[in-house]
């Protein structure tokens, strides 16, 4: 069972007695989810079309599956091919409501941790807002050079029309026990994947019709001094702590083991709000963490904290598929 989970989530990767109580609610959720999608498809519920192409990067499960690194990879691919992307996000975990720009120094408690991470990469403008169409419009107004929108999450946010849908699947956790909320981790039935333009599998193995994504990272930087770098070999001769408050903490811990490390692991729930006490292990052992965790720990981190930068690696065929779908035809 995945670590870093608590309460009801522990039942999402098995079938227990509790499901006798949860399945009726799960069936109701499934009906409501399907009905809502049909209402948008039929135009009974209004959706908004932007003046530029929209690419949705989402998933059908609750929790992280690798959407953010894929979004950054797509942004870089679009830039390489002459496009000027902008990224929007709900800003999950942040307290802000209205659309606002995200900067490298923005507070993750206001705009969310993942948007700050993306802004720190400096690839393109990043905006957040619970109303995604409003966030996208604000982004385009402030950045008229942007000619394509990448939405980090939002597969179920049908009020925003989209030109491309990409669903990310965790290659290890997959769909858990296969039930919809609250009996399982699914936000929509697995059959929803038949309607998306591309399925990206993060780790594990992918079917011939899917795109395999691998997260590559071998270099660490010091959280207090980004100019200080370290390789995995620099930590081989000593113990290390590893903290991760992501959708699947074990993925990060397994990555460290592949780098030859033997970490003392400390999993936290996804989007965990860290405090200084969370990093106080009573020793001078180095602490290794993800970029997503790092943006929330900067204010109180010591020079013991090191961050692993990871980048997505995918087949360029996915890039070609997306470019074909968003590039106007000669006759248009």
C-alpha atoms as a PDB file:
ATOM      1  CA  UNK A   1       0.000   0.000   0.000  1.00  0.00           C
ATOM      2  CA  UNK A   2       1.345   3.488  -0.787  1.00  0.00           C
ATOM      3  CA  UNK A   3       2.921   5.319   2.122  1.00  0.00           C
ATOM      4  CA  UNK A   4       2.242   8.906   3.128  1.00  0.00           C
ATOM      5  CA  UNK A   5      -1.514   8.230   3.212  1.00  0.00           C
ATOM      6  CA  UNK A   6      -3.975   8.377   6.029  1.00  0.00           C
ATOM      7  CA  UNK A   7      -7.566   7.666   6.980  1.00  0.00           C
ATOM      8  CA  UNK A   8      -9.922   6.798   4.175  1.00  0.00           C
ATOM      9  CA  UNK A   9      -7.166   6.838   1.544  1.00  0.00           C
ATOM     10  CA  UNK A  10      -5.680   3.674   3.009  1.00  0.00           C
ATOM     11  CA  UNK A  11      -8.751   1.806   1.794  1.00  0.00           C
ATOM     12  CA  UNK A  12      -8.361   2.971  -1.813  1.00  0.00           C
ATOM     13  CA  UNK A  13      -5.774   0.313  -2.657  1.00  0.00           C
ATOM     14  CA  UNK A  14      -7.602  -2.716  -1.290  1.00  0.00           C
ATOM     15  CA  UNK A  15     -11.138  -3.925  -0.614  1.00  0.00           C
ATOM     16  CA  UNK A  16     -12.225  -4.022   3.035  1.00  0.00           C
ATOM     17  CA  UNK A  17     -15.399  -4.283   5.101  1.00  0.00           C
ATOM     18  CA  UNK A  18     -15.681  -0.502   4.927  1.00  0.00           C
ATOM     19  CA  UNK A  19     -16.600  -0.751   1.257  1.00  0.00           C
ATOM     20  CA  UNK A  20     -19.980  -2.192   2.210  1.00  0.00           C
ATOM     21  CA  UNK A  21     -20.752   1.310   3.455  1.00  0.00           C
ATOM     22  CA  UNK A  22     -18.841   3.249   0.813  1.00  0.00           C
ATOM     23  CA  UNK A  23     -19.993   1.566  -2.402  1.00  0.00           C
ATOM     24  CA  UNK A  24     -23.488   3.149  -2.490  1.00  0.00           C
ATOM     25  CA  UNK A  25     -21.919   6.605  -2.209  1.00  0.00           C
ATOM     26  CA  UNK A  26     -19.367   5.608  -4.854  1.00  0.00           C
ATOM     27  CA  UNK A  27     -22.128   4.586  -7.271  1.00  0.00           C
ATOM     28  CA  UNK A  28     -23.916   7.887  -6.681  1.00  0.00           C
ATOM     29  CA  UNK A  29     -20.686   9.786  -7.315  1.00  0.00           C
ATOM     30  CA  UNK A  30     -20.229   7.880 -10.567  1.00  0.00           C
ATOM     31  CA  UNK A  31     -23.729   8.806 -11.750  1.00  0.00           C
ATOM     32  CA  UNK A  32     -23.285  12.474 -10.849  1.00  0.00           C
ATOM     33  CA  UNK A  33     -19.873  12.598 -12.529  1.00  0.00           C
ATOM     34  CA  UNK A  34     -21.168  11.052 -15.750  1.00  0.00           C
ATOM     35  CA  UNK A  35     -24.268  13.247 -15.780  1.00  0.00           C
ATOM     36  CA  UNK A  36     -22.247  16.411 -15.315  1.00  0.00           C
ATOM     37  CA  UNK A  37     -19.999  15.528 -18.246  1.00  0.00           C
ATOM     38  CA  UNK A  38     -23.002  14.810 -20.485  1.00  0.00           C
ATOM     39  CA  UNK A  39     -24.598  18.147 -19.552  1.00  0.00           C
ATOM     40  CA  UNK A  40     -21.469  19.992 -20.654  1.00  0.00           C
ATOM     41  CA  UNK A  41     -21.197  17.938 -23.827  1.00  0.00           C
ATOM     42  CA  UNK A  42     -24.792  18.721 -24.765  1.00  0.00           C
ATOM     43  CA  UNK A  43     -24.382  22.426 -24.016  1.00  0.00           C
ATOM     44  CA  UNK A  44     -26.910  22.461 -21.174  1.00  0.00           C
ATOM     45  CA  UNK A  45     -24.092  23.629 -18.925  1.00  0.00           C
ATOM     46  CA  UNK A  46     -22.131  26.425 -20.582  1.00  0.00           C
ATOM     47  CA  UNK A  47     -18.420  26.122 -21.312  1.00  0.00           C
ATOM     48  CA  UNK A  48     -15.933  28.794 -22.295  1.00  0.00           C
ATOM     49  CA  UNK A  49     -13.681  28.756 -25.355  1.00  0.00           C
ATOM     50  CA  UNK A  50     -10.451  30.721 -25.257  1.00  0.00           C
ATOM     51  CA  UNK A  51      -8.951  32.504 -28.277  1.00  0.00           C
ATOM     52  CA  UNK A  52      -5.902  30.193 -28.133  1.00  0.00           C
ATOM     53  CA  UNK A  53      -5.540  26.382 -28.013  1.00  0.00           C
ATOM     54  CA  UNK A  54      -5.892  24.750 -24.595  1.00  0.00           C
ATOM     55  CA  UNK A  55      -4.005  21.624 -23.536  1.00  0.00           C
ATOM     56  CA  UNK A  56      -5.277  19.885 -20.409  1.00  0.00           C
ATOM     57  CA  UNK A  57      -2.850  17.781 -18.379  1.00  0.00           C
ATOM     58  CA  UNK A  58      -4.922  15.875 -15.834  1.00  0.00           C
ATOM     59  CA  UNK A  59      -5.760  12.520 -14.349  1.00  0.00           C
ATOM     60  CA  UNK A  60      -8.767  10.500 -13.263  1.00  0.00           C
ATOM     61  CA  UNK A  61      -7.469   9.695  -9.790  1.00  0.00           C
ATOM     62  CA  UNK A  62      -7.095  11.733  -6.624  1.00  0.00           C
ATOM     63  CA  UNK A  63      -3.536  12.676  -5.742  1.00  0.00           C
ATOM     64  CA  UNK A  64      -0.365  13.364  -7.635  1.00  0.00           C
ATOM     65  CA  UNK A  65       0.549  11.288 -10.655  1.00  0.00           C
ATOM     66  CA  UNK A  66       3.245  13.395 -12.324  1.00  0.00           C
ATOM     67  CA  UNK A  67       1.192  16.140 -13.976  1.00  0.00           C
ATOM     68  CA  UNK A  68       3.546  18.980 -13.050  1.00  0.00           C
ATOM     69  CA  UNK A  69       6.768  17.544 -14.543  1.00  0.00           C
ATOM     70  CA  UNK A  70       4.803  16.621 -17.659  1.00  0.00           C
ATOM     71  CA  UNK A  71       3.410  20.160 -17.895  1.00  0.00           C
ATOM     72  CA  UNK A  72       6.933  21.584 -17.660  1.00  0.00           C
ATOM     73  CA  UNK A  73       8.155  19.160 -20.317  1.00  0.00           C
ATOM     74  CA  UNK A  74       5.316  20.171 -22.622  1.00  0.00           C
ATOM     75  CA  UNK A  75       6.048  23.859 -22.054  1.00  0.00           C
ATOM     76  CA  UNK A  76       9.673  23.329 -23.057  1.00  0.00           C
ATOM     77  CA  UNK A  77       8.649  21.330 -26.117  1.00  0.00           C
ATOM     78  CA  UNK A  78       6.241  24.040 -27.240  1.00  0.00           C
ATOM     79  CA  UNK A  79       8.868  26.742 -26.758  1.00  0.00           C
ATOM     80  CA  UNK A  80      11.377  24.718 -28.768  1.00  0.00           C
ATOM     81  CA  UNK A  81       8.868  24.564 -31.639  1.00  0.00           C
ATOM     82  CA  UNK A  82       8.197  28.302 -31.664  1.00  0.00           C
ATOM     83  CA  UNK A  83       5.120  28.530 -29.445  1.00  0.00           C
ATOM     84  CA  UNK A  84       4.670  30.851 -26.458  1.00  0.00           C
ATOM     85  CA  UNK A  85       2.845  28.891 -23.742  1.00  0.00           C
ATOM     86  CA  UNK A  86       1.278  30.047 -20.516  1.00  0.00           C
ATOM     87  CA  UNK A  87       0.447  27.745 -17.604  1.00  0.00           C
ATOM     88  CA  UNK A  88      -2.670  27.892 -15.451  1.00  0.00           C
ATOM     89  CA  UNK A  89      -3.424  25.947 -12.299  1.00  0.00           C
ATOM     90  CA  UNK A  90      -6.032  25.929  -9.591  1.00  0.00           C
ATOM     91  CA  UNK A  91      -3.261  26.421  -7.046  1.00  0.00           C
ATOM     92  CA  UNK A  92      -4.246  23.477  -4.876  1.00  0.00           C
ATOM     93  CA  UNK A  93      -3.221  23.970  -1.259  1.00  0.00           C
ATOM     94  CA  UNK A  94      -3.151  27.750  -1.602  1.00  0.00           C
ATOM     95  CA  UNK A  95      -5.561  30.140   0.056  1.00  0.00           C
ATOM     96  CA  UNK A  96      -5.971  32.499  -2.896  1.00  0.00           C
ATOM     97  CA  UNK A  97      -9.244  32.614  -4.818  1.00  0.00           C
ATOM     98  CA  UNK A  98      -8.995  35.281  -7.512  1.00  0.00           C
ATOM     99  CA  UNK A  99      -6.695  34.929 -10.542  1.00  0.00           C
ATOM    100  CA  UNK A 100      -3.134  36.000  -9.874  1.00  0.00           C
ATOM    101  CA  UNK A 101       0.296  35.670 -11.381  1.00  0.00           C
ATOM    102  CA  UNK A 102       2.798  33.342  -9.744  1.00  0.00           C
ATOM    103  CA  UNK A 103       6.438  34.344  -9.325  1.00  0.00           C
ATOM    104  CA  UNK A 104       9.450  32.390  -8.051  1.00  0.00           C
ATOM    105  CA  UNK A 105       9.181  34.206  -4.739  1.00  0.00           C
ATOM    106  CA  UNK A 106       5.401  33.753  -4.354  1.00  0.00           C
ATOM    107  CA  UNK A 107       4.189  32.174  -1.123  1.00  0.00           C
ATOM    108  CA  UNK A 108       3.064  28.556  -1.665  1.00  0.00           C
ATOM    109  CA  UNK A 109       0.507  28.997   1.113  1.00  0.00           C
ATOM    110  CA  UNK A 110      -1.288  31.504  -1.112  1.00  0.00           C
ATOM    111  CA  UNK A 111      -0.789  30.191  -4.663  1.00  0.00           C
ATOM    112  CA  UNK A 112       0.031  26.517  -4.041  1.00  0.00           C
ATOM    113  CA  UNK A 113       3.290  24.596  -4.068  1.00  0.00           C
ATOM    114  CA  UNK A 114       3.299  23.268  -7.642  1.00  0.00           C
ATOM    115  CA  UNK A 115       2.675  26.677  -9.282  1.00  0.00           C
ATOM    116  CA  UNK A 116       5.653  28.122  -7.385  1.00  0.00           C
ATOM    117  CA  UNK A 117       7.783  25.192  -8.532  1.00  0.00           C
ATOM    118  CA  UNK A 118       6.751  25.852 -12.159  1.00  0.00           C
ATOM    119  CA  UNK A 119       7.366  29.580 -11.842  1.00  0.00           C
ATOM    120  CA  UNK A 120      10.849  28.916 -10.485  1.00  0.00           C
ATOM    121  CA  UNK A 121      11.709  27.047 -13.693  1.00  0.00           C
ATOM    122  CA  UNK A 122      11.196  30.342 -15.544  1.00  0.00           C
ATOM    123  CA  UNK A 123       9.882  28.823 -18.760  1.00  0.00           C
ATOM    124  CA  UNK A 124       6.697  30.855 -19.191  1.00  0.00           C
ATOM    125  CA  UNK A 125       4.032  32.839 -17.308  1.00  0.00           C
ATOM    126  CA  UNK A 126       2.180  30.947 -14.574  1.00  0.00           C
ATOM    127  CA  UNK A 127      -1.225  32.016 -13.217  1.00  0.00           C
ATOM    128  CA  UNK A 128      -3.530  30.426 -10.661  1.00  0.00           C
ATOM    129  CA  UNK A 129      -7.203  30.731  -9.854  1.00  0.00           C
ATOM    130  CA  UNK A 130     -10.056  28.486  -8.809  1.00  0.00           C
ATOM    131  CA  UNK A 131     -11.919  29.754 -11.872  1.00  0.00           C
ATOM    132  CA  UNK A 132      -9.628  28.361 -14.567  1.00  0.00           C
ATOM    133  CA  UNK A 133     -11.195  30.261 -17.514  1.00  0.00           C
ATOM    134  CA  UNK A 134     -10.791  33.502 -15.559  1.00  0.00           C
ATOM    135  CA  UNK A 135      -7.184  32.623 -14.719  1.00  0.00           C
ATOM    136  CA  UNK A 136      -6.468  31.895 -18.391  1.00  0.00           C
ATOM    137  CA  UNK A 137      -8.062  35.149 -19.537  1.00  0.00           C
ATOM    138  CA  UNK A 138      -6.054  37.127 -16.995  1.00  0.00           C
ATOM    139  CA  UNK A 139      -2.878  35.401 -18.119  1.00  0.00           C
ATOM    140  CA  UNK A 140      -3.564  36.183 -21.773  1.00  0.00           C
ATOM    141  CA  UNK A 141      -4.415  39.791 -21.015  1.00  0.00           C
ATOM    142  CA  UNK A 142      -1.188  40.264 -19.078  1.00  0.00           C
ATOM    143  CA  UNK A 143       0.884  38.259 -21.588  1.00  0.00           C
ATOM    144  CA  UNK A 144      -0.520  38.863 -25.093  1.00  0.00           C
ATOM    145  CA  UNK A 145       2.401  36.984 -26.641  1.00  0.00           C
ATOM    146  CA  UNK A 146       1.063  33.679 -25.243  1.00  0.00           C
ATOM    147  CA  UNK A 147      -0.549  31.616 -27.988  1.00  0.00           C
ATOM    148  CA  UNK A 148      -1.322  28.348 -26.161  1.00  0.00           C
ATOM    149  CA  UNK A 149      -2.528  27.528 -22.635  1.00  0.00           C
ATOM    150  CA  UNK A 150      -1.333  24.544 -20.600  1.00  0.00           C
ATOM    151  CA  UNK A 151      -3.647  23.624 -17.737  1.00  0.00           C
ATOM    152  CA  UNK A 152      -1.922  21.750 -14.930  1.00  0.00           C
ATOM    153  CA  UNK A 153      -4.819  19.550 -13.814  1.00  0.00           C
ATOM    154  CA  UNK A 154      -8.410  20.322 -14.795  1.00  0.00           C
ATOM    155  CA  UNK A 155      -9.456  17.217 -16.723  1.00  0.00           C
ATOM    156  CA  UNK A 156     -12.792  17.357 -14.868  1.00  0.00           C
ATOM    157  CA  UNK A 157     -13.108  21.157 -15.154  1.00  0.00           C
ATOM    158  CA  UNK A 158     -15.371  21.034 -18.197  1.00  0.00           C
ATOM    159  CA  UNK A 159     -16.273  24.716 -18.069  1.00  0.00           C
ATOM    160  CA  UNK A 160     -12.999  25.316 -19.891  1.00  0.00           C
ATOM    161  CA  UNK A 161     -13.090  23.987 -23.439  1.00  0.00           C
ATOM    162  CA  UNK A 162      -9.987  22.136 -24.537  1.00  0.00           C
ATOM    163  CA  UNK A 163      -8.236  21.187 -27.769  1.00  0.00           C
ATOM    164  CA  UNK A 164      -6.072  18.426 -26.304  1.00  0.00           C
ATOM    165  CA  UNK A 165      -6.605  16.186 -23.276  1.00  0.00           C
ATOM    166  CA  UNK A 166      -3.673  14.299 -21.767  1.00  0.00           C
ATOM    167  CA  UNK A 167      -4.307  11.917 -18.878  1.00  0.00           C
ATOM    168  CA  UNK A 168      -1.427  10.967 -16.595  1.00  0.00           C
ATOM    169  CA  UNK A 169      -1.522   7.547 -14.925  1.00  0.00           C
ATOM    170  CA  UNK A 170       0.733   6.506 -12.058  1.00  0.00           C
ATOM    171  CA  UNK A 171       2.452   3.415 -13.423  1.00  0.00           C
ATOM    172  CA  UNK A 172       2.747   1.856  -9.962  1.00  0.00           C
ATOM    173  CA  UNK A 173      -0.519   2.745  -8.231  1.00  0.00           C
ATOM    174  CA  UNK A 174      -2.598   2.732 -11.428  1.00  0.00           C
ATOM    175  CA  UNK A 175      -6.297   2.980 -10.389  1.00  0.00           C
ATOM    176  CA  UNK A 176      -6.110   1.495  -6.904  1.00  0.00           C
ATOM    177  CA  UNK A 177      -9.062  -0.780  -6.185  1.00  0.00           C
ATOM    178  CA  UNK A 178     -10.893   0.548  -9.260  1.00  0.00           C
ATOM    179  CA  UNK A 179     -13.711   2.246  -7.341  1.00  0.00           C
ATOM    180  CA  UNK A 180     -14.794   5.870  -7.611  1.00  0.00           C
ATOM    181  CA  UNK A 181     -14.774   8.221  -4.634  1.00  0.00           C
ATOM    182  CA  UNK A 182     -15.200   7.704  -1.755  1.00  0.00           C
ATOM    183  CA  UNK A 183     -14.679   3.928  -2.040  1.00  0.00           C
ATOM    184  CA  UNK A 184     -11.617   4.333  -4.257  1.00  0.00           C
ATOM    185  CA  UNK A 185      -9.285   6.967  -5.719  1.00  0.00           C
ATOM    186  CA  UNK A 186     -11.089   7.492  -9.047  1.00  0.00           C
ATOM    187  CA  UNK A 187     -12.634  10.854  -9.880  1.00  0.00           C
ATOM    188  CA  UNK A 188     -14.083   9.426 -13.098  1.00  0.00           C
ATOM    189  CA  UNK A 189     -14.538   5.904 -14.384  1.00  0.00           C
ATOM    190  CA  UNK A 190     -11.519   4.327 -16.072  1.00  0.00           C
ATOM    191  CA  UNK A 191     -13.505   4.275 -19.330  1.00  0.00           C
ATOM    192  CA  UNK A 192     -12.964   8.062 -19.432  1.00  0.00           C
ATOM    193  CA  UNK A 193      -9.471   7.341 -20.732  1.00  0.00           C
ATOM    194  CA  UNK A 194     -10.964   6.188 -24.027  1.00  0.00           C
ATOM    195  CA  UNK A 195     -11.903   9.813 -24.757  1.00  0.00           C
ATOM    196  CA  UNK A 196      -8.559  11.521 -24.105  1.00  0.00           C
ATOM    197  CA  UNK A 197      -6.043  12.313 -26.832  1.00  0.00           C
ATOM    198  CA  UNK A 198      -3.076  10.725 -25.051  1.00  0.00           C
ATOM    199  CA  UNK A 199      -2.365   8.608 -21.980  1.00  0.00           C
ATOM    200  CA  UNK A 200       0.984   9.151 -20.286  1.00  0.00           C
ATOM    201  CA  UNK A 201       2.148   6.498 -17.830  1.00  0.00           C
ATOM    202  CA  UNK A 202       4.511   7.767 -15.149  1.00  0.00           C
ATOM    203  CA  UNK A 203       6.953   4.925 -14.451  1.00  0.00           C
ATOM    204  CA  UNK A 204       6.266   1.216 -14.641  1.00  0.00           C
ATOM    205  CA  UNK A 205       5.309  -0.077 -18.069  1.00  0.00           C
ATOM    206  CA  UNK A 206       3.101   1.405 -20.766  1.00  0.00           C
ATOM    207  CA  UNK A 207       0.913  -0.226 -23.392  1.00  0.00           C
ATOM    208  CA  UNK A 208       1.667   0.295 -27.065  1.00  0.00           C
ATOM    209  CA  UNK A 209      -1.024   2.984 -27.271  1.00  0.00           C
ATOM    210  CA  UNK A 210       0.370   4.870 -24.255  1.00  0.00           C
ATOM    211  CA  UNK A 211       3.381   7.125 -23.733  1.00  0.00           C
ATOM    212  CA  UNK A 212       5.877   6.172 -21.021  1.00  0.00           C
ATOM    213  CA  UNK A 213       7.250   9.001 -18.895  1.00  0.00           C
ATOM    214  CA  UNK A 214      10.399   8.601 -16.825  1.00  0.00           C
ATOM    215  CA  UNK A 215      11.520  11.154 -14.258  1.00  0.00           C
ATOM    216  CA  UNK A 216      15.265  11.713 -14.466  1.00  0.00           C
ATOM    217  CA  UNK A 217      17.281  13.369 -11.722  1.00  0.00           C
ATOM    218  CA  UNK A 218      20.823  12.856 -10.454  1.00  0.00           C
ATOM    219  CA  UNK A 219      21.889  16.293  -9.219  1.00  0.00           C
ATOM    220  CA  UNK A 220      21.029  17.969  -5.910  1.00  0.00           C
ATOM    221  CA  UNK A 221      21.180  21.647  -4.998  1.00  0.00           C
ATOM    222  CA  UNK A 222      21.289  23.167  -1.536  1.00  0.00           C
ATOM    223  CA  UNK A 223      17.978  24.683  -0.502  1.00  0.00           C
ATOM    224  CA  UNK A 224      19.625  27.620   1.277  1.00  0.00           C
ATOM    225  CA  UNK A 225      22.217  28.217  -1.446  1.00  0.00           C
ATOM    226  CA  UNK A 226      21.101  27.147  -4.916  1.00  0.00           C
ATOM    227  CA  UNK A 227      24.621  27.684  -6.189  1.00  0.00           C
ATOM    228  CA  UNK A 228      25.881  24.711  -4.177  1.00  0.00           C
ATOM    229  CA  UNK A 229      25.483  21.432  -6.017  1.00  0.00           C
ATOM    230  CA  UNK A 230      26.035  17.845  -4.980  1.00  0.00           C
ATOM    231  CA  UNK A 231      25.951  14.503  -6.751  1.00  0.00           C
ATOM    232  CA  UNK A 232      24.425  11.346  -5.324  1.00  0.00           C
ATOM    233  CA  UNK A 233      27.931   9.983  -4.748  1.00  0.00           C
ATOM    234  CA  UNK A 234      28.530  12.795  -2.244  1.00  0.00           C
ATOM    235  CA  UNK A 235      25.962  11.173   0.071  1.00  0.00           C
ATOM    236  CA  UNK A 236      27.039   7.558  -0.327  1.00  0.00           C
ATOM    237  CA  UNK A 237      29.331   7.507   2.688  1.00  0.00           C
ATOM    238  CA  UNK A 238      26.788   8.871   5.155  1.00  0.00           C
ATOM    239  CA  UNK A 239      23.197   8.317   6.229  1.00  0.00           C
ATOM    240  CA  UNK A 240      20.541  10.644   4.832  1.00  0.00           C
ATOM    241  CA  UNK A 241      16.996  11.587   5.748  1.00  0.00           C
ATOM    242  CA  UNK A 242      14.475  11.738   2.908  1.00  0.00           C
ATOM    243  CA  UNK A 243      11.183  13.614   3.188  1.00  0.00           C
ATOM    244  CA  UNK A 244       8.399  13.626   0.621  1.00  0.00           C
ATOM    245  CA  UNK A 245       4.929  15.139   0.754  1.00  0.00           C
ATOM    246  CA  UNK A 246       3.850  14.146  -2.735  1.00  0.00           C
ATOM    247  CA  UNK A 247       1.163  11.897  -4.197  1.00  0.00           C
ATOM    248  CA  UNK A 248       3.365   8.805  -4.003  1.00  0.00           C
ATOM    249  CA  UNK A 249       6.301   9.380  -1.607  1.00  0.00           C
ATOM    250  CA  UNK A 250       7.710   5.914  -2.239  1.00  0.00           C
ATOM    251  CA  UNK A 251       8.487   6.950  -5.818  1.00  0.00           C
ATOM    252  CA  UNK A 252      10.962   9.538  -4.516  1.00  0.00           C
ATOM    253  CA  UNK A 253      12.470   7.124  -1.994  1.00  0.00           C
ATOM    254  CA  UNK A 254      12.874   4.441  -4.670  1.00  0.00           C
ATOM    255  CA  UNK A 255      14.589   6.971  -6.928  1.00  0.00           C
ATOM    256  CA  UNK A 256      17.105   7.730  -4.179  1.00  0.00           C
ATOM    257  CA  UNK A 257      17.805   4.023  -3.747  1.00  0.00           C
ATOM    258  CA  UNK A 258      18.474   3.724  -7.472  1.00  0.00           C
ATOM    259  CA  UNK A 259      21.059   6.467  -7.007  1.00  0.00           C
ATOM    260  CA  UNK A 260      22.832   4.228  -4.487  1.00  0.00           C
ATOM    261  CA  UNK A 261      21.513   5.871  -1.324  1.00  0.00           C
ATOM    262  CA  UNK A 262      19.954   4.241   1.733  1.00  0.00           C
ATOM    263  CA  UNK A 263      17.584   6.910   3.020  1.00  0.00           C
ATOM    264  CA  UNK A 264      15.783   7.086   6.331  1.00  0.00           C
ATOM    265  CA  UNK A 265      12.351   7.760   4.877  1.00  0.00           C
ATOM    266  CA  UNK A 266       9.756  10.248   6.194  1.00  0.00           C
ATOM    267  CA  UNK A 267       6.566  10.217   4.064  1.00  0.00           C
ATOM    268  CA  UNK A 268       3.974  12.968   4.422  1.00  0.00           C
ATOM    269  CA  UNK A 269       0.545  13.459   2.805  1.00  0.00           C
ATOM    270  CA  UNK A 270       0.374  15.161  -0.583  1.00  0.00           C
ATOM    271  CA  UNK A 271       0.567  18.982  -0.332  1.00  0.00           C
ATOM    272  CA  UNK A 272       1.646  18.721   3.313  1.00  0.00           C
ATOM    273  CA  UNK A 273       2.276  22.095   4.945  1.00  0.00           C
ATOM    274  CA  UNK A 274       5.660  21.706   6.550  1.00  0.00           C
ATOM    275  CA  UNK A 275       6.847  23.253   9.780  1.00  0.00           C
ATOM    276  CA  UNK A 276      10.349  23.417  11.214  1.00  0.00           C
ATOM    277  CA  UNK A 277       9.468  20.530  13.525  1.00  0.00           C
ATOM    278  CA  UNK A 278       8.900  18.252  10.512  1.00  0.00           C
ATOM    279  CA  UNK A 279      12.571  18.592   9.579  1.00  0.00           C
ATOM    280  CA  UNK A 280      13.964  18.343  13.117  1.00  0.00           C
ATOM    281  CA  UNK A 281      15.389  14.842  13.344  1.00  0.00           C
ATOM    282  CA  UNK A 282      17.796  15.658  16.176  1.00  0.00           C
ATOM    283  CA  UNK A 283      21.008  15.165  14.194  1.00  0.00           C
ATOM    284  CA  UNK A 284      23.177  16.759  11.507  1.00  0.00           C
ATOM    285  CA  UNK A 285      22.310  14.194   8.857  1.00  0.00           C
ATOM    286  CA  UNK A 286      21.622  15.661   5.400  1.00  0.00           C
ATOM    287  CA  UNK A 287      17.942  15.959   4.458  1.00  0.00           C
ATOM    288  CA  UNK A 288      16.957  15.205   0.878  1.00  0.00           C
ATOM    289  CA  UNK A 289      13.633  16.377  -0.557  1.00  0.00           C
ATOM    290  CA  UNK A 290      11.678  16.983  -3.732  1.00  0.00           C
ATOM    291  CA  UNK A 291      11.343  20.360  -5.446  1.00  0.00           C
ATOM    292  CA  UNK A 292       7.662  20.427  -4.536  1.00  0.00           C
ATOM    293  CA  UNK A 293       8.499  20.078  -0.849  1.00  0.00           C
ATOM    294  CA  UNK A 294      11.399  22.504  -1.045  1.00  0.00           C
ATOM    295  CA  UNK A 295       9.286  25.541  -1.967  1.00  0.00           C
ATOM    296  CA  UNK A 296       7.394  25.121   1.334  1.00  0.00           C
ATOM    297  CA  UNK A 297      10.494  24.645   3.493  1.00  0.00           C
ATOM    298  CA  UNK A 298      12.701  27.523   2.366  1.00  0.00           C
ATOM    299  CA  UNK A 299      11.671  29.880   5.172  1.00  0.00           C
ATOM    300  CA  UNK A 300      12.957  27.608   7.944  1.00  0.00           C
ATOM    301  CA  UNK A 301      15.293  25.156   6.218  1.00  0.00           C
ATOM    302  CA  UNK A 302      18.917  24.756   7.307  1.00  0.00           C
ATOM    303  CA  UNK A 303      21.927  24.194   5.100  1.00  0.00           C
ATOM    304  CA  UNK A 304      21.437  20.450   5.700  1.00  0.00           C
ATOM    305  CA  UNK A 305      18.565  20.460   3.186  1.00  0.00           C
ATOM    306  CA  UNK A 306      19.239  19.327  -0.373  1.00  0.00           C
ATOM    307  CA  UNK A 307      16.800  19.245  -3.266  1.00  0.00           C
ATOM    308  CA  UNK A 308      16.691  16.763  -6.134  1.00  0.00           C
ATOM    309  CA  UNK A 309      15.706  18.331  -9.444  1.00  0.00           C
ATOM    310  CA  UNK A 310      13.863  15.946 -11.751  1.00  0.00           C
ATOM    311  CA  UNK A 311      12.852  16.349 -15.377  1.00  0.00           C
ATOM    312  CA  UNK A 312      10.413  14.317 -17.419  1.00  0.00           C
ATOM    313  CA  UNK A 313      11.627  12.266 -20.368  1.00  0.00           C
ATOM    314  CA  UNK A 314       9.153  11.170 -23.049  1.00  0.00           C
ATOM    315  CA  UNK A 315       9.003  10.039 -26.640  1.00  0.00           C
ATOM    316  CA  UNK A 316       8.997  12.972 -29.068  1.00  0.00           C
ATOM    317  CA  UNK A 317       6.005  11.350 -30.762  1.00  0.00           C
ATOM    318  CA  UNK A 318       3.824  12.934 -28.075  1.00  0.00           C
ATOM    319  CA  UNK A 319       5.128  16.352 -29.071  1.00  0.00           C
ATOM    320  CA  UNK A 320       4.268  15.715 -32.705  1.00  0.00           C
ATOM    321  CA  UNK A 321       0.766  14.577 -31.771  1.00  0.00           C
ATOM    322  CA  UNK A 322       0.108  17.755 -29.809  1.00  0.00           C
ATOM    323  CA  UNK A 323       1.569  20.054 -32.449  1.00  0.00           C
ATOM    324  CA  UNK A 324      -0.634  18.430 -35.069  1.00  0.00           C
ATOM    325  CA  UNK A 325      -3.746  19.019 -32.961  1.00  0.00           C
ATOM    326  CA  UNK A 326      -3.086  22.672 -32.092  1.00  0.00           C
ATOM    327  CA  UNK A 327      -1.569  23.878 -35.374  1.00  0.00           C
ATOM    328  CA  UNK A 328      -4.220  25.411 -37.677  1.00  0.00           C
ATOM    329  CA  UNK A 329      -4.662  23.620 -40.976  1.00  0.00           C
ATOM    330  CA  UNK A 330      -3.764  25.438 -44.154  1.00  0.00           C
ATOM    331  CA  UNK A 331      -7.406  25.917 -45.047  1.00  0.00           C
ATOM    332  CA  UNK A 332      -8.489  27.416 -41.741  1.00  0.00           C
END
